[in-house]
């Protein structure tokens, strides 16, 4: 059974990277894309994806606010934040808003798919540059 994914980011080269990463796995299906917070909320409600890859810095409601609203309209969707922001207050706020994981974009080449599978299994994932512990994610 395909895992249905919604990709939310306003930077096309980044979206292309995500598409290529996900399409390498036949059981992951991109069912929609959005480039701002409002589109993210609308598409989440309409499509009810299994997983949402969500940037924080978005036009309209930012990713954190969008996640709060998405939790209400698509409560079973898992949210994986993907952002270059490494500030702990932002990371914490993102997780409190409903994110199960947080990948720093500059580490996505090595961590994105690990994070996707962890989040889909209900485990929390934080980029190793945030935890400072390369083994920390294995224990989550």
N, C-alpha and C. Protein backbone atom coordinates (compact mmCIF):
# COMPACT_ATOMS: atom_id res chain seq x y z
N UNK A 1 0.84 -1.18 0.00
CA UNK A 1 0.00 0.00 0.00
C UNK A 1 0.89 1.25 0.00
N UNK A 2 0.59 2.18 -0.85
CA UNK A 2 1.40 3.38 -1.00
C UNK A 2 1.22 4.33 0.19
N UNK A 3 2.32 4.94 0.58
CA UNK A 3 2.30 5.97 1.61
C UNK A 3 2.15 7.30 0.89
N UNK A 4 1.13 8.03 1.23
CA UNK A 4 0.75 9.25 0.53
C UNK A 4 1.41 10.46 1.18
N UNK A 5 2.14 11.24 0.38
CA UNK A 5 2.96 12.33 0.90
C UNK A 5 2.56 13.67 0.28
N UNK A 6 2.47 14.68 1.13
CA UNK A 6 2.26 16.06 0.70
C UNK A 6 3.56 16.82 0.97
N UNK A 7 4.08 17.50 -0.05
CA UNK A 7 5.32 18.26 0.06
C UNK A 7 4.98 19.74 0.09
N UNK A 8 5.47 20.44 1.14
CA UNK A 8 5.17 21.87 1.29
C UNK A 8 6.46 22.65 1.42
N UNK A 9 6.79 23.39 0.37
CA UNK A 9 7.99 24.25 0.37
C UNK A 9 7.84 25.24 -0.77
N UNK A 10 8.37 26.43 -0.59
CA UNK A 10 8.24 27.46 -1.63
C UNK A 10 9.49 27.60 -2.49
N UNK A 11 10.47 26.72 -2.33
CA UNK A 11 11.72 26.80 -3.08
C UNK A 11 11.79 25.61 -4.03
N UNK A 12 11.59 25.86 -5.34
CA UNK A 12 11.47 24.79 -6.33
C UNK A 12 12.67 23.84 -6.38
N UNK A 13 13.93 24.33 -6.31
CA UNK A 13 15.03 23.36 -6.32
C UNK A 13 14.96 22.38 -5.14
N UNK A 14 14.51 22.85 -4.01
CA UNK A 14 14.37 21.97 -2.85
C UNK A 14 13.26 20.96 -3.09
N UNK A 15 12.14 21.41 -3.66
CA UNK A 15 11.04 20.49 -3.97
C UNK A 15 11.49 19.41 -4.95
N UNK A 16 12.31 19.78 -5.91
CA UNK A 16 12.85 18.81 -6.88
C UNK A 16 13.69 17.76 -6.16
N UNK A 17 14.53 18.19 -5.22
CA UNK A 17 15.35 17.26 -4.43
C UNK A 17 14.44 16.28 -3.67
N UNK A 18 13.40 16.80 -3.03
CA UNK A 18 12.49 15.95 -2.27
C UNK A 18 11.80 14.95 -3.21
N UNK A 19 11.31 15.45 -4.34
CA UNK A 19 10.65 14.55 -5.30
C UNK A 19 11.58 13.41 -5.71
N UNK A 20 12.82 13.74 -6.06
CA UNK A 20 13.77 12.71 -6.47
C UNK A 20 14.05 11.73 -5.34
N UNK A 21 14.17 12.23 -4.14
CA UNK A 21 14.44 11.36 -2.99
C UNK A 21 13.28 10.40 -2.74
N UNK A 22 12.05 10.93 -2.80
CA UNK A 22 10.89 10.10 -2.51
C UNK A 22 10.57 9.13 -3.65
N UNK A 23 10.74 9.58 -4.88
CA UNK A 23 10.41 8.74 -6.02
C UNK A 23 11.33 7.54 -6.15
N UNK A 24 12.45 7.57 -5.46
CA UNK A 24 13.36 6.42 -5.46
C UNK A 24 12.77 5.25 -4.67
N UNK A 25 11.69 5.49 -3.96
CA UNK A 25 11.03 4.47 -3.14
C UNK A 25 9.62 4.26 -3.68
N UNK A 26 9.38 3.10 -4.26
CA UNK A 26 8.11 2.88 -4.95
C UNK A 26 6.89 2.92 -4.04
N UNK A 27 7.07 2.73 -2.74
CA UNK A 27 5.90 2.77 -1.85
C UNK A 27 5.61 4.17 -1.31
N UNK A 28 6.37 5.17 -1.74
CA UNK A 28 6.09 6.57 -1.38
C UNK A 28 5.50 7.27 -2.59
N UNK A 29 4.35 7.88 -2.41
CA UNK A 29 3.65 8.53 -3.52
C UNK A 29 3.39 10.00 -3.16
N UNK A 30 3.90 10.91 -3.95
CA UNK A 30 3.62 12.33 -3.74
C UNK A 30 2.24 12.61 -4.31
N UNK A 31 1.32 12.97 -3.43
CA UNK A 31 -0.07 13.19 -3.86
C UNK A 31 -0.39 14.67 -4.02
N UNK A 32 0.54 15.54 -3.58
CA UNK A 32 0.30 16.96 -3.73
C UNK A 32 1.50 17.77 -3.29
N UNK A 33 1.52 19.01 -3.76
CA UNK A 33 2.56 19.96 -3.37
C UNK A 33 1.89 21.29 -3.08
N UNK A 34 2.50 22.03 -2.17
CA UNK A 34 2.00 23.36 -1.82
C UNK A 34 3.20 24.27 -1.61
N UNK A 35 3.01 25.55 -1.88
CA UNK A 35 4.12 26.49 -1.76
C UNK A 35 3.88 27.57 -0.71
N UNK A 36 2.78 27.49 0.02
CA UNK A 36 2.55 28.42 1.12
C UNK A 36 1.69 27.75 2.19
N UNK A 37 1.60 28.42 3.34
CA UNK A 37 0.89 27.84 4.47
C UNK A 37 -0.59 27.60 4.22
N UNK A 38 -1.23 28.52 3.51
CA UNK A 38 -2.67 28.37 3.24
C UNK A 38 -2.93 27.18 2.33
N UNK A 39 -2.13 27.04 1.26
CA UNK A 39 -2.27 25.87 0.38
C UNK A 39 -2.02 24.59 1.15
N UNK A 40 -1.03 24.61 2.04
CA UNK A 40 -0.71 23.42 2.84
C UNK A 40 -1.93 22.97 3.64
N UNK A 41 -2.59 23.91 4.29
CA UNK A 41 -3.75 23.56 5.11
C UNK A 41 -4.89 23.03 4.24
N UNK A 42 -5.13 23.70 3.10
CA UNK A 42 -6.21 23.27 2.21
C UNK A 42 -5.95 21.88 1.64
N UNK A 43 -4.71 21.65 1.17
CA UNK A 43 -4.40 20.35 0.58
C UNK A 43 -4.37 19.24 1.63
N UNK A 44 -3.92 19.56 2.83
CA UNK A 44 -3.94 18.56 3.90
C UNK A 44 -5.37 18.14 4.20
N UNK A 45 -6.27 19.10 4.28
CA UNK A 45 -7.67 18.78 4.56
C UNK A 45 -8.29 17.98 3.41
N UNK A 46 -8.00 18.39 2.20
CA UNK A 46 -8.58 17.74 1.02
C UNK A 46 -8.00 16.34 0.79
N UNK A 47 -6.68 16.18 0.92
CA UNK A 47 -6.01 14.95 0.53
C UNK A 47 -5.80 13.95 1.66
N UNK A 48 -5.79 14.44 2.91
CA UNK A 48 -5.55 13.58 4.08
C UNK A 48 -4.32 12.69 3.88
N UNK A 49 -3.14 13.31 3.68
CA UNK A 49 -1.92 12.53 3.42
C UNK A 49 -1.47 11.76 4.66
N UNK A 50 -0.68 10.72 4.43
CA UNK A 50 -0.09 9.97 5.53
C UNK A 50 1.05 10.77 6.15
N UNK A 51 1.78 11.51 5.31
CA UNK A 51 2.96 12.25 5.74
C UNK A 51 2.99 13.61 5.06
N UNK A 52 3.35 14.64 5.82
CA UNK A 52 3.53 15.98 5.27
C UNK A 52 4.96 16.41 5.55
N UNK A 53 5.70 16.73 4.49
CA UNK A 53 7.03 17.31 4.63
C UNK A 53 6.82 18.82 4.57
N UNK A 54 7.14 19.51 5.65
CA UNK A 54 6.71 20.89 5.83
C UNK A 54 7.87 21.81 6.18
N UNK A 55 8.07 22.82 5.34
CA UNK A 55 9.07 23.85 5.62
C UNK A 55 8.49 24.81 6.66
N UNK A 56 9.35 25.51 7.37
CA UNK A 56 8.88 26.47 8.37
C UNK A 56 8.69 27.85 7.76
N UNK A 57 9.65 28.28 6.95
CA UNK A 57 9.62 29.63 6.39
C UNK A 57 8.80 29.62 5.11
N UNK A 58 7.49 29.87 5.26
CA UNK A 58 6.57 29.86 4.14
C UNK A 58 5.82 31.19 4.06
N UNK A 59 5.40 31.59 2.86
CA UNK A 59 4.50 32.74 2.77
C UNK A 59 3.14 32.39 3.38
N UNK A 60 2.42 33.39 3.79
CA UNK A 60 1.13 33.15 4.45
C UNK A 60 1.40 32.67 5.85
N UNK A 61 0.51 31.87 6.40
CA UNK A 61 0.87 31.31 7.70
C UNK A 61 2.16 30.52 7.56
N UNK A 62 3.11 30.71 8.48
CA UNK A 62 4.36 29.95 8.39
C UNK A 62 4.08 28.47 8.68
N UNK A 63 5.09 27.64 8.52
CA UNK A 63 4.92 26.21 8.67
C UNK A 63 4.45 25.79 10.05
N UNK A 64 4.90 26.49 11.07
CA UNK A 64 4.49 26.14 12.44
C UNK A 64 3.01 26.41 12.64
N UNK A 65 2.54 27.57 12.20
CA UNK A 65 1.12 27.89 12.31
C UNK A 65 0.30 26.96 11.43
N UNK A 66 0.80 26.68 10.23
CA UNK A 66 0.09 25.75 9.34
C UNK A 66 -0.03 24.38 10.00
N UNK A 67 1.02 23.91 10.66
CA UNK A 67 0.99 22.61 11.33
C UNK A 67 -0.09 22.58 12.41
N UNK A 68 -0.19 23.66 13.17
CA UNK A 68 -1.23 23.71 14.22
C UNK A 68 -2.62 23.53 13.61
N UNK A 69 -2.84 24.20 12.50
CA UNK A 69 -4.15 24.13 11.85
C UNK A 69 -4.34 22.77 11.15
N UNK A 70 -3.28 22.24 10.57
CA UNK A 70 -3.36 20.94 9.90
C UNK A 70 -3.74 19.86 10.91
N UNK A 71 -3.22 19.94 12.12
CA UNK A 71 -3.55 18.97 13.17
C UNK A 71 -5.06 18.86 13.35
N UNK A 72 -5.78 19.98 13.15
CA UNK A 72 -7.23 19.98 13.35
C UNK A 72 -7.99 19.40 12.15
N UNK A 73 -7.46 19.63 10.94
CA UNK A 73 -8.19 19.20 9.74
C UNK A 73 -7.70 17.87 9.17
N UNK A 74 -6.54 17.42 9.58
CA UNK A 74 -5.99 16.14 9.13
C UNK A 74 -5.21 15.51 10.29
N UNK A 75 -5.91 15.12 11.34
CA UNK A 75 -5.26 14.70 12.58
C UNK A 75 -4.39 13.44 12.47
N UNK A 76 -4.60 12.62 11.46
CA UNK A 76 -3.80 11.40 11.36
C UNK A 76 -2.54 11.59 10.53
N UNK A 77 -2.42 12.73 9.86
CA UNK A 77 -1.20 12.99 9.07
C UNK A 77 -0.01 13.20 9.99
N UNK A 78 1.09 12.57 9.66
CA UNK A 78 2.34 12.79 10.39
C UNK A 78 3.06 13.95 9.72
N UNK A 79 3.68 14.81 10.54
CA UNK A 79 4.36 15.99 10.02
C UNK A 79 5.85 15.88 10.31
N UNK A 80 6.63 16.02 9.23
CA UNK A 80 8.09 16.07 9.33
C UNK A 80 8.52 17.45 8.85
N UNK A 81 9.04 18.25 9.77
CA UNK A 81 9.53 19.58 9.41
C UNK A 81 10.88 19.44 8.73
N UNK A 82 11.08 20.22 7.68
CA UNK A 82 12.34 20.25 6.96
C UNK A 82 12.69 21.72 6.78
N UNK A 83 13.72 22.17 7.50
CA UNK A 83 14.06 23.59 7.51
C UNK A 83 15.55 23.76 7.76
N UNK A 84 16.09 24.89 7.34
CA UNK A 84 17.48 25.16 7.64
C UNK A 84 17.62 25.82 9.02
N UNK A 85 16.51 26.25 9.61
CA UNK A 85 16.54 26.90 10.91
C UNK A 85 16.96 25.90 11.99
N UNK A 86 17.98 26.26 12.76
CA UNK A 86 18.50 25.37 13.80
C UNK A 86 18.26 25.91 15.21
N UNK A 87 17.55 27.00 15.34
CA UNK A 87 17.31 27.60 16.65
C UNK A 87 16.43 26.67 17.48
N UNK A 88 16.88 26.36 18.70
CA UNK A 88 16.15 25.41 19.54
C UNK A 88 14.73 25.86 19.85
N UNK A 89 14.51 27.17 20.00
CA UNK A 89 13.15 27.61 20.28
C UNK A 89 12.23 27.32 19.09
N UNK A 90 12.74 27.45 17.88
CA UNK A 90 11.94 27.15 16.68
C UNK A 90 11.71 25.64 16.57
N UNK A 91 12.75 24.86 16.78
CA UNK A 91 12.62 23.40 16.72
C UNK A 91 11.58 22.94 17.75
N UNK A 92 11.69 23.44 18.96
CA UNK A 92 10.73 23.07 20.01
C UNK A 92 9.32 23.47 19.67
N UNK A 93 9.16 24.67 19.13
CA UNK A 93 7.83 25.14 18.75
C UNK A 93 7.25 24.27 17.63
N UNK A 94 8.11 23.88 16.69
CA UNK A 94 7.66 23.03 15.58
C UNK A 94 7.16 21.68 16.11
N UNK A 95 7.89 21.11 17.04
CA UNK A 95 7.48 19.82 17.60
C UNK A 95 6.19 19.96 18.42
N UNK A 96 6.08 21.05 19.16
CA UNK A 96 4.86 21.28 19.93
C UNK A 96 3.65 21.53 19.03
N UNK A 97 3.90 22.06 17.84
CA UNK A 97 2.81 22.34 16.90
C UNK A 97 2.29 21.07 16.22
N UNK A 98 2.97 19.97 16.44
CA UNK A 98 2.49 18.71 15.88
C UNK A 98 3.49 17.95 15.05
N UNK A 99 4.70 18.46 14.94
CA UNK A 99 5.72 17.74 14.18
C UNK A 99 6.25 16.54 14.95
N UNK A 100 6.51 15.46 14.22
CA UNK A 100 7.11 14.28 14.82
C UNK A 100 8.60 14.25 14.57
N UNK A 101 9.04 15.03 13.59
CA UNK A 101 10.45 15.06 13.27
C UNK A 101 10.88 16.40 12.72
N UNK A 102 12.20 16.58 12.69
CA UNK A 102 12.78 17.85 12.23
C UNK A 102 14.12 17.55 11.58
N UNK A 103 14.19 17.81 10.27
CA UNK A 103 15.41 17.60 9.51
C UNK A 103 15.96 18.96 9.09
N UNK A 104 17.23 19.20 9.36
CA UNK A 104 17.89 20.41 8.88
C UNK A 104 18.24 20.18 7.41
N UNK A 105 17.83 21.11 6.55
CA UNK A 105 17.96 20.92 5.10
C UNK A 105 19.38 20.58 4.67
N UNK A 106 20.36 21.20 5.27
CA UNK A 106 21.74 20.94 4.85
C UNK A 106 22.19 19.52 5.20
N UNK A 107 21.41 18.80 5.99
CA UNK A 107 21.70 17.41 6.35
C UNK A 107 20.73 16.44 5.67
N UNK A 108 19.86 16.97 4.84
CA UNK A 108 18.80 16.13 4.26
C UNK A 108 19.32 15.05 3.34
N UNK A 109 20.43 15.29 2.66
CA UNK A 109 20.94 14.26 1.74
C UNK A 109 21.19 12.94 2.48
N UNK A 110 21.66 13.02 3.71
CA UNK A 110 21.93 11.80 4.47
C UNK A 110 20.82 11.45 5.46
N UNK A 111 19.95 12.40 5.81
CA UNK A 111 18.98 12.14 6.88
C UNK A 111 17.51 12.12 6.47
N UNK A 112 17.18 12.66 5.30
CA UNK A 112 15.76 12.79 4.96
C UNK A 112 15.03 11.45 4.98
N UNK A 113 15.56 10.46 4.29
CA UNK A 113 14.83 9.19 4.21
C UNK A 113 14.84 8.45 5.55
N UNK A 114 15.89 8.57 6.30
CA UNK A 114 15.91 7.99 7.66
C UNK A 114 14.80 8.62 8.49
N UNK A 115 14.67 9.95 8.37
CA UNK A 115 13.64 10.67 9.12
C UNK A 115 12.24 10.27 8.65
N UNK A 116 12.05 10.16 7.35
CA UNK A 116 10.74 9.77 6.81
C UNK A 116 10.31 8.43 7.40
N UNK A 117 11.19 7.44 7.35
CA UNK A 117 10.81 6.12 7.85
C UNK A 117 10.59 6.13 9.37
N UNK A 118 11.41 6.89 10.09
CA UNK A 118 11.24 6.96 11.55
C UNK A 118 9.88 7.58 11.89
N UNK A 119 9.57 8.70 11.26
CA UNK A 119 8.30 9.39 11.54
C UNK A 119 7.11 8.51 11.16
N UNK A 120 7.20 7.82 10.04
CA UNK A 120 6.10 6.94 9.63
C UNK A 120 5.89 5.79 10.62
N UNK A 121 6.96 5.43 11.34
CA UNK A 121 6.84 4.38 12.37
C UNK A 121 6.43 4.95 13.72
N UNK A 122 6.16 6.26 13.76
CA UNK A 122 5.73 6.89 15.00
C UNK A 122 6.86 7.30 15.92
N UNK A 123 8.09 7.28 15.42
CA UNK A 123 9.25 7.67 16.22
C UNK A 123 9.59 9.12 15.95
N UNK A 124 10.12 9.78 16.96
CA UNK A 124 10.58 11.15 16.78
C UNK A 124 11.96 11.13 16.14
N UNK A 125 12.20 12.09 15.24
CA UNK A 125 13.51 12.20 14.60
C UNK A 125 13.97 13.65 14.67
N UNK A 126 15.21 13.86 15.09
CA UNK A 126 15.85 15.17 15.06
C UNK A 126 17.18 15.02 14.34
N UNK A 127 17.49 15.97 13.47
CA UNK A 127 18.78 15.95 12.78
C UNK A 127 19.91 15.83 13.79
N UNK A 128 20.94 15.10 13.40
CA UNK A 128 22.06 14.90 14.30
C UNK A 128 22.75 16.20 14.66
N UNK A 129 22.69 17.21 13.78
CA UNK A 129 23.32 18.49 14.12
C UNK A 129 22.56 19.20 15.24
N UNK A 130 21.33 18.79 15.50
CA UNK A 130 20.55 19.37 16.60
C UNK A 130 20.79 18.62 17.90
N UNK A 131 20.99 17.32 17.79
CA UNK A 131 21.15 16.52 19.01
C UNK A 131 22.61 16.44 19.43
N UNK A 132 23.52 16.58 18.45
CA UNK A 132 24.93 16.44 18.78
C UNK A 132 25.29 15.00 19.07
N UNK A 133 24.35 14.10 18.85
CA UNK A 133 24.57 12.69 19.16
C UNK A 133 24.11 11.86 17.97
N UNK A 134 25.05 11.27 17.26
CA UNK A 134 24.71 10.51 16.07
C UNK A 134 23.92 9.25 16.40
N UNK A 135 23.94 8.81 17.62
CA UNK A 135 23.18 7.63 18.00
C UNK A 135 21.83 7.96 18.58
N UNK A 136 21.59 9.22 18.88
CA UNK A 136 20.35 9.61 19.56
C UNK A 136 19.11 9.19 18.79
N UNK A 137 19.13 9.31 17.48
CA UNK A 137 17.94 8.99 16.70
C UNK A 137 17.63 7.51 16.68
N UNK A 138 18.64 6.66 16.90
CA UNK A 138 18.38 5.22 16.94
C UNK A 138 17.59 4.84 18.18
N UNK A 139 17.61 5.67 19.18
CA UNK A 139 16.96 5.34 20.44
C UNK A 139 15.59 5.97 20.58
N UNK A 140 15.18 6.75 19.61
CA UNK A 140 13.89 7.44 19.70
C UNK A 140 12.79 6.53 19.22
